[in-house]
């Protein structure tokens, strides 16, 4: 069994002649919060969709909790996924949506009810649980989507912009929840444009640019490296500084004969 919760080797996705992701290698240990960064169009969503079995790679391989992504049944039992638009049924109430998901996950009814009540309370949705989702605001739908992604207590969670549409209090709840998940040995693959969230939570950061992983490491290591490359100047580097620098460097790097950098 692999010691890694998320593992990818030479993972690639092409759409015709267009390269979305090229030769991606990942080795993410259990209990890690992995901050996955990149500009729009870098290939982040394509990567997540491959790792969550929703998209077939062109080449390469990947494993989730030791199981190859080709074994969709085994993988989906072990992961939770919040896409950029939560998959919710507008005609259901919030509670009905979560009960439906609990049934799909074979969570016993009594246990499911207790988990749902606990998470509705944590995310301040208890008073709105019996309203139809069609009446929910964007932030309320986002919270319901997060709850259903973690309801079955997966070993690996993929979160795509989890604080989108949330007010500061709800965003704080999400950050606390991510920290709690990691403390309980759940691996969190976090994709977001909000870099202070990544700086606060991530154990490791990966920066994707035009399908290539152009930087990877602990936030403090990346910031220190950026400062050293400037001759020790700018020791108060932020993760935003690192992101801007490594993507600019990758953009300026000459392409090889096969079009890669």
Protein backbone atom coordinates (compact mmCIF):
# COMPACT_ATOMS: atom_id res chain seq x y z
CA UNK A 1 0.00 0.00 0.00
CA UNK A 2 1.31 3.44 -0.94
CA UNK A 3 2.39 5.67 1.98
CA UNK A 4 0.83 8.63 0.16
CA UNK A 5 -2.78 9.78 0.30
CA UNK A 6 -2.52 11.37 -3.15
CA UNK A 7 0.03 10.17 -5.65
CA UNK A 8 0.46 10.99 -9.34
CA UNK A 9 3.15 9.93 -11.80
CA UNK A 10 3.57 11.66 -15.16
CA UNK A 11 -0.14 12.55 -15.18
CA UNK A 12 -1.16 14.36 -18.36
CA UNK A 13 -4.31 15.53 -20.11
CA UNK A 14 -4.50 16.70 -23.70
CA UNK A 15 -7.46 18.08 -25.59
CA UNK A 16 -6.44 17.47 -29.19
CA UNK A 17 -3.15 19.33 -29.55
CA UNK A 18 -3.80 21.50 -26.49
CA UNK A 19 -1.99 20.47 -23.30
CA UNK A 20 -4.05 21.07 -20.15
CA UNK A 21 -1.77 19.18 -17.73
CA UNK A 22 1.64 17.75 -18.56
CA UNK A 23 3.75 15.22 -16.67
CA UNK A 24 2.38 16.03 -13.22
CA UNK A 25 4.06 14.24 -10.30
CA UNK A 26 2.56 14.41 -6.80
CA UNK A 27 3.32 12.62 -3.53
CA UNK A 28 1.11 13.97 -0.73
CA UNK A 29 1.18 12.36 2.70
CA UNK A 30 -1.90 11.69 4.87
CA UNK A 31 -3.01 14.61 7.00
CA UNK A 32 -1.44 17.18 4.68
CA UNK A 33 -3.14 20.38 3.58
CA UNK A 34 -1.87 20.82 0.02
CA UNK A 35 -2.43 24.28 -1.42
CA UNK A 36 -2.85 24.03 -5.19
CA UNK A 37 -2.28 27.39 -6.87
CA UNK A 38 -2.23 28.69 -10.40
CA UNK A 39 -3.69 31.38 -12.64
CA UNK A 40 -6.96 30.83 -14.46
CA UNK A 41 -6.51 28.24 -17.19
CA UNK A 42 -3.42 26.70 -15.59
CA UNK A 43 -4.99 23.23 -15.42
CA UNK A 44 -6.03 23.13 -11.75
CA UNK A 45 -9.62 22.02 -12.33
CA UNK A 46 -8.51 19.48 -14.93
CA UNK A 47 -6.07 18.04 -12.40
CA UNK A 48 -8.73 17.80 -9.72
CA UNK A 49 -11.21 16.18 -12.10
CA UNK A 50 -8.63 13.54 -13.02
CA UNK A 51 -7.75 12.83 -9.40
CA UNK A 52 -11.43 12.52 -8.47
CA UNK A 53 -12.09 10.05 -11.35
CA UNK A 54 -14.32 12.49 -13.26
CA UNK A 55 -11.90 12.85 -16.16
CA UNK A 56 -9.76 10.18 -17.79
CA UNK A 57 -6.07 11.12 -18.13
CA UNK A 58 -4.42 10.99 -21.53
CA UNK A 59 -1.40 9.34 -19.93
CA UNK A 60 0.20 8.70 -16.57
CA UNK A 61 -1.36 7.29 -13.44
CA UNK A 62 -2.56 8.37 -10.01
CA UNK A 63 -3.66 6.82 -6.74
CA UNK A 64 -5.95 8.03 -3.99
CA UNK A 65 -5.42 6.43 -0.59
CA UNK A 66 -3.49 3.68 -2.35
CA UNK A 67 -6.15 2.91 -4.96
CA UNK A 68 -5.67 3.67 -8.67
CA UNK A 69 -8.04 6.25 -10.08
CA UNK A 70 -9.10 3.64 -12.63
CA UNK A 71 -10.83 1.86 -9.71
CA UNK A 72 -13.58 4.45 -9.45
CA UNK A 73 -15.68 2.59 -6.87
CA UNK A 74 -12.79 2.24 -4.41
CA UNK A 75 -11.60 5.82 -4.91
CA UNK A 76 -14.96 7.56 -4.62
CA UNK A 77 -15.67 5.79 -1.32
CA UNK A 78 -12.58 7.43 0.12
CA UNK A 79 -12.84 10.98 -1.14
CA UNK A 80 -14.99 14.05 -0.76
CA UNK A 81 -15.19 16.73 -3.42
CA UNK A 82 -16.44 20.29 -3.47
CA UNK A 83 -16.35 21.59 -7.07
CA UNK A 84 -16.54 25.30 -7.87
CA UNK A 85 -20.34 24.92 -8.16
CA UNK A 86 -21.73 22.59 -5.45
CA UNK A 87 -23.91 19.78 -6.88
CA UNK A 88 -27.23 20.42 -5.12
CA UNK A 89 -30.88 19.73 -5.93
CA UNK A 90 -32.83 22.98 -5.73
CA UNK A 91 -36.13 21.21 -5.06
CA UNK A 92 -34.81 19.59 -1.88
CA UNK A 93 -34.41 21.22 1.48
CA UNK A 94 -30.91 21.47 2.90
CA UNK A 95 -31.59 18.62 5.30
CA UNK A 96 -33.12 16.44 2.57
CA UNK A 97 -30.06 17.02 0.39
CA UNK A 98 -27.73 15.89 3.16
CA UNK A 99 -29.91 12.90 4.05
CA UNK A 100 -29.88 11.89 0.39
CA UNK A 101 -26.08 12.09 0.27
CA UNK A 102 -25.82 10.13 3.53
CA UNK A 103 -27.95 7.39 1.97
CA UNK A 104 -25.68 7.24 -1.07
CA UNK A 105 -22.73 6.87 1.29
CA UNK A 106 -24.44 4.08 3.28
CA UNK A 107 -24.23 6.01 6.55
CA UNK A 108 -26.68 4.49 9.08
CA UNK A 109 -29.71 6.76 9.60
CA UNK A 110 -29.11 7.55 13.27
CA UNK A 111 -25.45 8.27 12.70
CA UNK A 112 -26.24 10.36 9.64
CA UNK A 113 -28.78 12.42 11.57
CA UNK A 114 -26.26 13.18 14.31
CA UNK A 115 -23.54 14.13 11.81
CA UNK A 116 -25.92 16.33 9.83
CA UNK A 117 -27.12 18.16 12.94
CA UNK A 118 -23.55 18.70 14.09
CA UNK A 119 -22.38 20.09 10.74
CA UNK A 120 -25.49 22.23 10.21
CA UNK A 121 -24.79 23.80 13.60
CA UNK A 122 -21.10 24.29 12.85
CA UNK A 123 -21.89 26.08 9.58
CA UNK A 124 -24.82 28.09 10.97
CA UNK A 125 -27.34 26.41 8.67
CA UNK A 126 -29.51 24.75 11.32
CA UNK A 127 -32.25 27.38 11.18
CA UNK A 128 -32.41 27.13 7.38
CA UNK A 129 -32.09 23.35 7.10
CA UNK A 130 -35.76 22.83 6.22
CA UNK A 131 -35.91 25.51 3.55
CA UNK A 132 -35.64 24.56 -0.12
CA UNK A 133 -32.18 24.98 -1.56
CA UNK A 134 -33.70 27.10 -4.34
CA UNK A 135 -34.16 29.83 -1.70
CA UNK A 136 -30.56 29.66 -0.48
CA UNK A 137 -28.01 32.39 -1.13
CA UNK A 138 -24.73 31.55 -2.86
CA UNK A 139 -22.98 31.41 0.50
CA UNK A 140 -25.60 29.06 1.98
CA UNK A 141 -25.29 26.74 -1.03
CA UNK A 142 -21.53 26.79 -0.60
CA UNK A 143 -21.84 25.75 3.03
CA UNK A 144 -24.24 22.94 2.13
CA UNK A 145 -21.77 21.78 -0.52
CA UNK A 146 -18.91 21.68 1.99
CA UNK A 147 -21.02 19.73 4.48
CA UNK A 148 -21.94 17.08 1.92
CA UNK A 149 -18.29 16.78 0.85
CA UNK A 150 -17.13 15.86 4.36
CA UNK A 151 -20.29 14.19 5.74
CA UNK A 152 -19.01 10.65 5.20
CA UNK A 153 -15.66 11.45 6.82
CA UNK A 154 -13.49 10.78 3.76
CA UNK A 155 -9.77 10.20 4.00
CA UNK A 156 -9.07 12.67 1.17
CA UNK A 157 -11.01 15.89 0.48
CA UNK A 158 -10.73 18.05 -2.65
CA UNK A 159 -11.93 21.63 -2.16
CA UNK A 160 -12.16 24.00 -5.13
CA UNK A 161 -12.53 27.61 -3.92
CA UNK A 162 -14.27 26.57 -0.66
CA UNK A 163 -14.61 30.13 0.71
CA UNK A 164 -16.22 31.51 -2.46
CA UNK A 165 -19.32 33.56 -1.62
CA UNK A 166 -18.84 33.27 2.13
CA UNK A 167 -18.88 36.09 4.65
CA UNK A 168 -15.85 36.43 6.97
CA UNK A 169 -17.43 34.42 9.80
CA UNK A 170 -18.34 31.51 7.50
CA UNK A 171 -14.92 31.67 5.83
CA UNK A 172 -13.33 31.37 9.27
CA UNK A 173 -15.47 28.29 9.95
CA UNK A 174 -14.22 26.74 6.71
CA UNK A 175 -10.60 27.43 7.63
CA UNK A 176 -11.12 25.96 11.10
CA UNK A 177 -12.80 22.91 9.56
CA UNK A 178 -9.88 22.35 7.19
CA UNK A 179 -7.46 22.53 10.10
CA UNK A 180 -9.59 20.06 12.08
CA UNK A 181 -9.72 17.65 9.14
CA UNK A 182 -5.95 17.68 8.77
CA UNK A 183 -5.49 17.22 12.52
CA UNK A 184 -7.65 14.09 12.19
CA UNK A 185 -5.32 12.74 9.45
CA UNK A 186 -7.60 13.71 6.55
CA UNK A 187 -5.71 14.96 3.50
CA UNK A 188 -7.05 18.23 2.09
CA UNK A 189 -6.29 19.23 -1.49
CA UNK A 190 -7.12 22.93 -1.49
CA UNK A 191 -7.42 24.98 -4.67
CA UNK A 192 -8.07 28.68 -4.15
CA UNK A 193 -7.07 32.12 -5.36
CA UNK A 194 -7.14 33.46 -1.79
CA UNK A 195 -3.46 33.15 -1.00
CA UNK A 196 -3.59 34.18 2.69
CA UNK A 197 -5.83 31.14 3.29
CA UNK A 198 -3.21 28.90 1.72
CA UNK A 199 -0.42 30.63 3.64
CA UNK A 200 -2.30 30.05 6.89
CA UNK A 201 -3.31 26.43 6.34
CA UNK A 202 -1.08 24.68 3.80
CA UNK A 203 1.73 22.35 4.78
CA UNK A 204 2.83 22.20 1.14
CA UNK A 205 2.09 24.44 -1.83
CA UNK A 206 2.18 23.50 -5.49
CA UNK A 207 2.05 26.15 -8.22
CA UNK A 208 0.72 25.08 -11.61
CA UNK A 209 1.38 27.17 -14.71
CA UNK A 210 0.25 26.20 -18.20
CA UNK A 211 -0.11 22.59 -17.09
CA UNK A 212 3.33 22.34 -15.46
CA UNK A 213 4.11 22.20 -11.75
CA UNK A 214 6.61 25.06 -11.61
CA UNK A 215 7.14 25.26 -7.83
CA UNK A 216 6.42 23.08 -4.82
CA UNK A 217 7.29 23.14 -1.14
CA UNK A 218 6.27 24.42 2.29
CA UNK A 219 5.14 28.07 2.17
CA UNK A 220 7.99 29.28 4.36
CA UNK A 221 10.55 27.44 2.23
CA UNK A 222 9.20 28.99 -0.97
CA UNK A 223 9.21 32.47 0.58
CA UNK A 224 12.75 32.05 1.90
CA UNK A 225 13.96 30.77 -1.48
CA UNK A 226 12.42 33.78 -3.22
CA UNK A 227 14.17 36.11 -0.81
CA UNK A 228 17.52 34.35 -1.31
CA UNK A 229 17.19 34.63 -5.08
CA UNK A 230 16.87 38.39 -4.55
CA UNK A 231 20.17 38.39 -2.70
CA UNK A 232 18.51 38.25 0.70
CA UNK A 233 16.43 41.32 0.03
CA UNK A 234 12.73 41.37 0.81
CA UNK A 235 12.80 38.90 3.68
CA UNK A 236 9.17 39.79 4.42
CA UNK A 237 8.06 37.91 1.33
CA UNK A 238 4.45 36.81 1.07
CA UNK A 239 3.05 33.81 -0.73
CA UNK A 240 1.54 36.22 -3.23
CA UNK A 241 5.05 37.49 -4.04
CA UNK A 242 6.23 33.92 -4.58
CA UNK A 243 3.25 33.10 -6.78
CA UNK A 244 3.76 36.15 -8.98
CA UNK A 245 7.49 35.55 -9.31
CA UNK A 246 7.42 31.84 -10.17
CA UNK A 247 4.61 32.23 -12.69
CA UNK A 248 6.38 35.18 -14.31
CA UNK A 249 9.61 33.20 -14.49
CA UNK A 250 7.78 30.25 -16.04
CA UNK A 251 6.10 32.55 -18.55
CA UNK A 252 9.46 33.99 -19.61
CA UNK A 253 11.23 30.64 -19.80
CA UNK A 254 11.99 29.58 -23.38
CA UNK A 255 9.95 26.71 -24.75
CA UNK A 256 11.70 23.48 -25.81
CA UNK A 257 11.29 21.87 -29.19
CA UNK A 258 8.21 19.93 -28.08
CA UNK A 259 6.56 23.13 -26.80
CA UNK A 260 7.16 22.48 -23.09
CA UNK A 261 9.13 24.79 -20.80
